[in-house]
Amino acid sequence: MNVSLYLLGLVSTLGLATLTWVVSVLKRDVSIVDGAWAFMLLAAATLYATGAEPYTGRTMLILMLVLLWALRLSAHIIHRNWGEPEDRRYQDIRRKYEPNFAFKSLGLIFWFQAVLAWIISMPLWPALTIPVDWGASDVLAVAVWTVGMIFEGIGDWQLSRFKADPENHGKVMDRGLWHYTRHPNYFGECLIWWGFYFFALPTGAWWTFVGPLLLTYMLLRFSGVTLMEQTIVERRPAYRDYIARTNAFIPGLPKQGTYAPPLGNGPHD
């Protein structure tokens, strides 16, 4: 495999992250990095595809799936954040690292996420560049990717509609896919990237599981489930019962007979 091509993938993610940082300084809002996240991975994938020898239908399929994922996720995040103030998480980080947070954020936020995106993109490097015949692993990859897109896309859509309805103010979102998992969008995201890993397996690059494994860890223990739920019960006590009866990640039937008396009500984050 062309290692230099993989290293150029890091250059592409860092470059896009730096451009996004410049815009964030002008806007005084580092939240825009969330909307750029998927495009960092798309930039790396597009670069890897230039090294395909030869460029096959399989290469085209994988790149198309990355494109569809990136466009949907970025469109959702940009639409969700449009006209909103800087995300609360980033406001907390800003206060912690002032003064001169604008310059510190280049490394703390933007380059950090660029490196993460580069590592997570690892399975795409061999999947897009090493020609192999179609096989059962490709069928599994598409199936896992499709289920992931369904969970992520429908989960985001259901939550957006729930929040847009004034009648749901003060309520916890526990309908649709959210009835079976507290984070269907995170679950779907993990499936999508494990799907890309299955594309890499026939090339012999089994070790690229590092990419989706890192993403799974990040969503479960670092920036996803754990971070979001650290203080949510204090801010929105009705969420306590939801936690007691609903799986955090992998979908499952709600636990029966589990009830934690809420101290109040609040909307789902």
Protein backbone atom coordinates (compact mmCIF):
# COMPACT_ATOMS: atom_id res chain seq x y z
CA MET A 1 0.00 0.00 0.00
CA ASN A 2 1.06 3.56 -0.68
CA VAL A 3 1.89 4.92 2.79
CA SER A 4 2.64 8.38 1.41
CA LEU A 5 -0.95 8.54 0.14
CA TYR A 6 -2.25 7.85 3.63
CA LEU A 7 0.00 10.59 5.02
CA LEU A 8 -1.37 12.96 2.41
CA GLY A 9 -4.78 12.13 3.83
CA LEU A 10 -3.63 13.77 7.06
CA VAL A 11 -2.53 16.82 5.11
CA SER A 12 -6.00 17.05 3.57
CA THR A 13 -7.83 16.84 6.91
CA LEU A 14 -5.45 19.35 8.55
CA GLY A 15 -5.83 21.71 5.61
CA LEU A 16 -9.62 21.67 5.72
CA ALA A 17 -9.57 22.00 9.51
CA THR A 18 -7.30 25.06 9.26
CA LEU A 19 -9.58 26.76 6.75
CA THR A 20 -12.56 26.08 9.00
CA TRP A 21 -10.63 27.51 11.95
CA VAL A 22 -10.09 30.79 10.07
CA VAL A 23 -13.85 31.08 9.56
CA SER A 24 -14.46 30.24 13.23
CA VAL A 25 -12.18 33.08 14.34
CA LEU A 26 -14.11 35.53 12.18
CA LYS A 27 -17.45 34.21 13.47
CA ARG A 28 -16.19 33.69 17.03
CA ASP A 29 -17.86 30.28 16.96
CA VAL A 30 -15.88 27.04 16.96
CA SER A 31 -19.12 25.02 16.68
CA ILE A 32 -18.71 25.14 12.93
CA VAL A 33 -16.12 22.37 13.26
CA ASP A 34 -19.02 19.94 13.72
CA GLY A 35 -20.36 20.75 10.27
CA ALA A 36 -16.89 20.36 8.75
CA TRP A 37 -16.18 17.00 10.41
CA ALA A 38 -17.71 14.81 7.71
CA PHE A 39 -16.02 16.82 4.96
CA MET A 40 -12.63 16.09 6.54
CA LEU A 41 -13.28 12.38 6.12
CA LEU A 42 -14.63 12.94 2.62
CA ALA A 43 -11.48 14.88 1.70
CA ALA A 44 -9.30 12.01 2.89
CA ALA A 45 -11.40 9.44 1.04
CA THR A 46 -11.30 11.46 -2.19
CA LEU A 47 -7.52 11.69 -1.93
CA TYR A 48 -7.18 7.94 -1.36
CA ALA A 49 -9.35 7.26 -4.41
CA THR A 50 -6.86 9.11 -6.61
CA GLY A 51 -4.42 6.28 -5.88
CA ALA A 52 -6.76 3.51 -7.01
CA GLU A 53 -5.03 1.21 -9.48
CA PRO A 54 -7.20 0.64 -11.39
CA TYR A 55 -10.26 2.75 -10.57
CA THR A 56 -13.01 0.14 -10.39
CA GLY A 57 -16.75 0.01 -9.83
CA ARG A 58 -16.02 -1.10 -6.28
CA THR A 59 -13.91 2.01 -5.72
CA MET A 60 -16.72 4.14 -7.09
CA LEU A 61 -19.30 2.49 -4.82
CA ILE A 62 -17.24 3.02 -1.66
CA LEU A 63 -16.52 6.65 -2.52
CA MET A 64 -20.21 7.24 -3.29
CA LEU A 65 -21.21 5.82 0.10
CA VAL A 66 -18.73 8.14 1.83
CA LEU A 67 -20.14 11.07 -0.15
CA LEU A 68 -23.76 10.24 0.74
CA TRP A 69 -22.86 9.90 4.42
CA ALA A 70 -20.88 13.16 4.47
CA LEU A 71 -23.52 15.23 2.66
CA ARG A 72 -26.36 14.00 4.88
CA LEU A 73 -24.52 14.43 8.16
CA SER A 74 -23.07 17.84 7.33
CA ALA A 75 -26.41 19.13 6.01
CA HIS A 76 -28.13 17.98 9.19
CA ILE A 77 -25.57 19.58 11.52
CA ILE A 78 -25.35 22.86 9.59
CA HIS A 79 -29.16 23.15 9.46
CA ARG A 80 -29.42 22.32 13.18
CA ASN A 81 -26.83 24.92 14.20
CA TRP A 82 -27.80 27.66 11.75
CA GLY A 83 -28.54 30.90 13.59
CA GLU A 84 -27.79 29.32 16.98
CA PRO A 85 -25.13 30.56 19.41
CA GLU A 86 -21.93 28.63 19.95
CA ASP A 87 -22.62 25.15 21.31
CA ARG A 88 -22.56 24.92 25.12
CA ARG A 89 -19.74 22.35 25.03
CA TYR A 90 -17.48 24.73 23.14
CA GLN A 91 -18.46 27.67 25.35
CA ASP A 92 -17.21 25.66 28.33
CA ILE A 93 -13.94 24.90 26.53
CA ARG A 94 -13.60 28.56 25.54
CA ARG A 95 -13.92 29.72 29.16
CA LYS A 96 -11.44 27.10 30.30
CA TYR A 97 -8.72 28.08 27.84
CA GLU A 98 -9.05 31.85 27.75
CA PRO A 99 -7.19 34.10 27.16
CA ASN A 100 -6.29 33.73 23.48
CA PHE A 101 -8.66 30.84 22.96
CA ALA A 102 -9.08 31.81 19.30
CA PHE A 103 -5.50 30.76 18.60
CA LYS A 104 -5.44 27.86 21.05
CA SER A 105 -8.56 26.40 19.40
CA LEU A 106 -6.60 25.67 16.21
CA GLY A 107 -4.80 22.84 17.97
CA LEU A 108 -7.24 22.01 20.75
CA ILE A 109 -10.32 21.73 18.54
CA PHE A 110 -9.59 21.82 14.82
CA TRP A 111 -6.29 19.96 14.40
CA PHE A 112 -7.31 17.49 17.10
CA GLN A 113 -10.45 16.60 15.13
CA ALA A 114 -8.46 16.50 11.89
CA VAL A 115 -6.12 13.86 13.34
CA LEU A 116 -9.09 11.88 14.66
CA ALA A 117 -10.75 12.02 11.23
CA TRP A 118 -7.52 10.82 9.60
CA ILE A 119 -7.23 7.82 11.92
CA ILE A 120 -10.91 6.93 11.55
CA SER A 121 -10.52 7.09 7.76
CA MET A 122 -7.90 4.32 7.89
CA PRO A 123 -10.09 1.51 6.42
CA LEU A 124 -10.87 3.69 3.41
CA TRP A 125 -7.20 3.85 2.46
CA PRO A 126 -6.84 0.18 1.40
CA ALA A 127 -10.53 -0.20 0.51
CA LEU A 128 -10.27 2.54 -2.11
CA THR A 129 -6.78 1.85 -3.44
CA ILE A 130 -6.32 -1.94 -3.54
CA PRO A 131 -8.30 -3.68 -6.30
CA VAL A 132 -10.07 -6.88 -5.21
CA ASP A 133 -12.96 -8.86 -6.63
CA TRP A 134 -16.49 -8.41 -5.35
CA GLY A 135 -17.25 -10.81 -2.49
CA ALA A 136 -19.40 -11.64 0.51
CA SER A 137 -17.58 -9.06 2.60
CA ASP A 138 -18.86 -6.34 0.25
CA VAL A 139 -22.44 -7.52 0.71
CA LEU A 140 -21.96 -7.40 4.48
CA ALA A 141 -20.34 -3.96 4.23
CA VAL A 142 -23.25 -2.49 2.27
CA ALA A 143 -25.80 -4.11 4.60
CA VAL A 144 -24.13 -2.78 7.76
CA TRP A 145 -23.65 0.67 6.18
CA THR A 146 -27.32 0.77 5.15
CA VAL A 147 -28.60 -0.14 8.62
CA GLY A 148 -26.29 2.51 10.05
CA MET A 149 -27.58 5.19 7.69
CA ILE A 150 -31.16 4.27 8.55
CA PHE A 151 -30.53 4.61 12.28
CA GLU A 152 -28.52 7.81 11.96
CA GLY A 153 -30.72 9.51 9.38
CA ILE A 154 -34.11 8.57 10.82
CA GLY A 155 -32.90 9.17 14.38
CA ASP A 156 -31.75 12.70 13.53
CA TRP A 157 -34.97 13.40 11.61
CA GLN A 158 -37.19 12.15 14.42
CA LEU A 159 -35.39 14.24 17.03
CA SER A 160 -35.50 17.36 14.83
CA ARG A 161 -39.25 17.01 14.34
CA PHE A 162 -39.74 16.40 18.05
CA LYS A 163 -37.84 19.56 19.01
CA ALA A 164 -39.66 21.63 16.38
CA ASP A 165 -43.08 20.90 17.93
CA PRO A 166 -43.87 23.39 20.74
CA GLU A 167 -46.14 20.81 22.37
CA ASN A 168 -43.06 18.72 23.16
CA HIS A 169 -41.45 21.43 25.25
CA GLY A 170 -40.50 19.97 28.60
CA LYS A 171 -40.72 16.38 27.38
CA VAL A 172 -38.08 13.72 26.80
CA MET A 173 -37.80 12.25 23.33
CA ASP A 174 -38.56 8.53 23.71
CA ARG A 175 -40.43 7.83 20.48
CA GLY A 176 -39.53 6.05 17.26
CA LEU A 177 -35.97 4.75 17.28
CA TRP A 178 -35.37 6.68 20.50
CA HIS A 179 -37.76 4.25 22.21
CA TYR A 180 -35.17 1.48 21.77
CA THR A 181 -31.88 3.32 22.27
CA ARG A 182 -31.01 6.68 23.80
CA HIS A 183 -28.61 7.39 20.94
CA PRO A 184 -29.77 5.84 17.65
CA ASN A 185 -27.72 8.40 15.72
CA TYR A 186 -24.49 7.40 17.47
CA PHE A 187 -25.29 3.72 17.02
CA GLY A 188 -25.87 4.33 13.32
CA GLU A 189 -22.62 6.26 12.97
CA CYS A 190 -20.67 3.35 14.41
CA LEU A 191 -22.33 0.87 12.07
CA ILE A 192 -21.49 3.05 9.06
CA TRP A 193 -17.78 3.01 9.84
CA TRP A 194 -17.69 -0.67 10.69
CA GLY A 195 -19.33 -1.12 7.29
CA PHE A 196 -16.43 0.70 5.66
CA TYR A 197 -14.07 -1.57 7.59
CA PHE A 198 -15.70 -4.64 5.99
CA PHE A 199 -14.80 -3.14 2.60
CA ALA A 200 -11.16 -3.12 3.71
CA LEU A 201 -11.06 -6.74 4.93
CA PRO A 202 -10.70 -8.43 1.48
CA THR A 203 -7.57 -6.32 0.86
CA GLY A 204 -5.85 -7.99 3.83
CA ALA A 205 -5.88 -4.77 5.86
CA TRP A 206 -7.56 -6.35 8.89
CA TRP A 207 -5.54 -4.07 11.19
CA THR A 208 -7.48 -1.00 10.05
CA PHE A 209 -10.10 -1.88 12.67
CA VAL A 210 -8.24 0.82 14.64
CA GLY A 211 -10.33 3.42 12.78
CA PRO A 212 -13.88 2.27 13.61
CA LEU A 213 -12.74 1.12 17.06
CA LEU A 214 -11.52 4.65 17.83
CA LEU A 215 -14.82 6.10 16.61
CA THR A 216 -16.77 3.65 18.77
CA TYR A 217 -14.70 4.59 21.81
CA MET A 218 -15.12 8.31 21.12
CA LEU A 219 -18.90 8.03 20.83
CA LEU A 220 -19.28 5.81 23.87
CA ARG A 221 -16.70 7.18 26.30
CA PHE A 222 -15.40 10.56 25.18
CA SER A 223 -17.42 12.96 23.04
CA GLY A 224 -20.72 11.12 22.65
CA VAL A 225 -22.84 9.28 25.18
CA THR A 226 -20.70 9.99 28.26
CA LEU A 227 -20.17 13.70 27.56
CA MET A 228 -23.79 14.36 26.70
CA GLU A 229 -25.17 12.56 29.73
CA GLN A 230 -22.69 13.85 32.33
CA THR A 231 -24.97 16.65 33.51
CA ILE A 232 -28.20 16.06 31.65
CA VAL A 233 -30.02 14.55 34.65
CA GLU A 234 -29.17 17.64 36.71
CA ARG A 235 -30.39 19.95 33.96
CA ARG A 236 -33.27 17.78 32.80
CA PRO A 237 -34.37 15.42 35.60
CA ALA A 238 -37.04 13.69 33.49
CA TYR A 239 -34.17 12.06 31.63
CA ARG A 240 -33.47 9.89 34.69
CA ASP A 241 -36.37 7.54 34.02
CA TYR A 242 -35.43 7.40 30.36
CA ILE A 243 -31.92 6.25 31.32
CA ALA A 244 -33.34 3.63 33.69
CA ARG A 245 -35.50 1.94 31.06
CA THR A 246 -33.71 2.52 27.74
CA ASN A 247 -30.44 1.09 26.42
CA ALA A 248 -27.73 3.70 25.99
CA PHE A 249 -26.42 2.47 22.65
CA ILE A 250 -27.38 -0.91 21.19
CA PRO A 251 -31.15 -0.96 20.49
CA GLY A 252 -33.32 -3.19 22.63
CA LEU A 253 -36.77 -3.39 24.14
CA PRO A 254 -37.28 -0.95 27.04
CA LYS A 255 -36.92 -2.45 30.48
CA GLN A 256 -40.29 -3.23 32.03
CA GLY A 257 -41.23 -2.11 35.51
CA THR A 258 -38.33 0.32 35.78
CA TYR A 259 -39.24 3.75 37.00
CA ALA A 260 -37.25 6.51 38.61
CA PRO A 261 -39.52 9.35 39.81
CA PRO A 262 -38.55 12.48 37.86
CA LEU A 263 -37.67 15.67 39.72
CA GLY A 264 -38.96 17.76 36.86
CA ASN A 265 -39.19 17.85 33.10
CA GLY A 266 -36.89 18.92 30.34
CA PRO A 267 -36.39 18.40 26.62
CA HIS A 268 -34.04 15.81 25.22
CA ASP A 269 -30.68 17.24 24.14
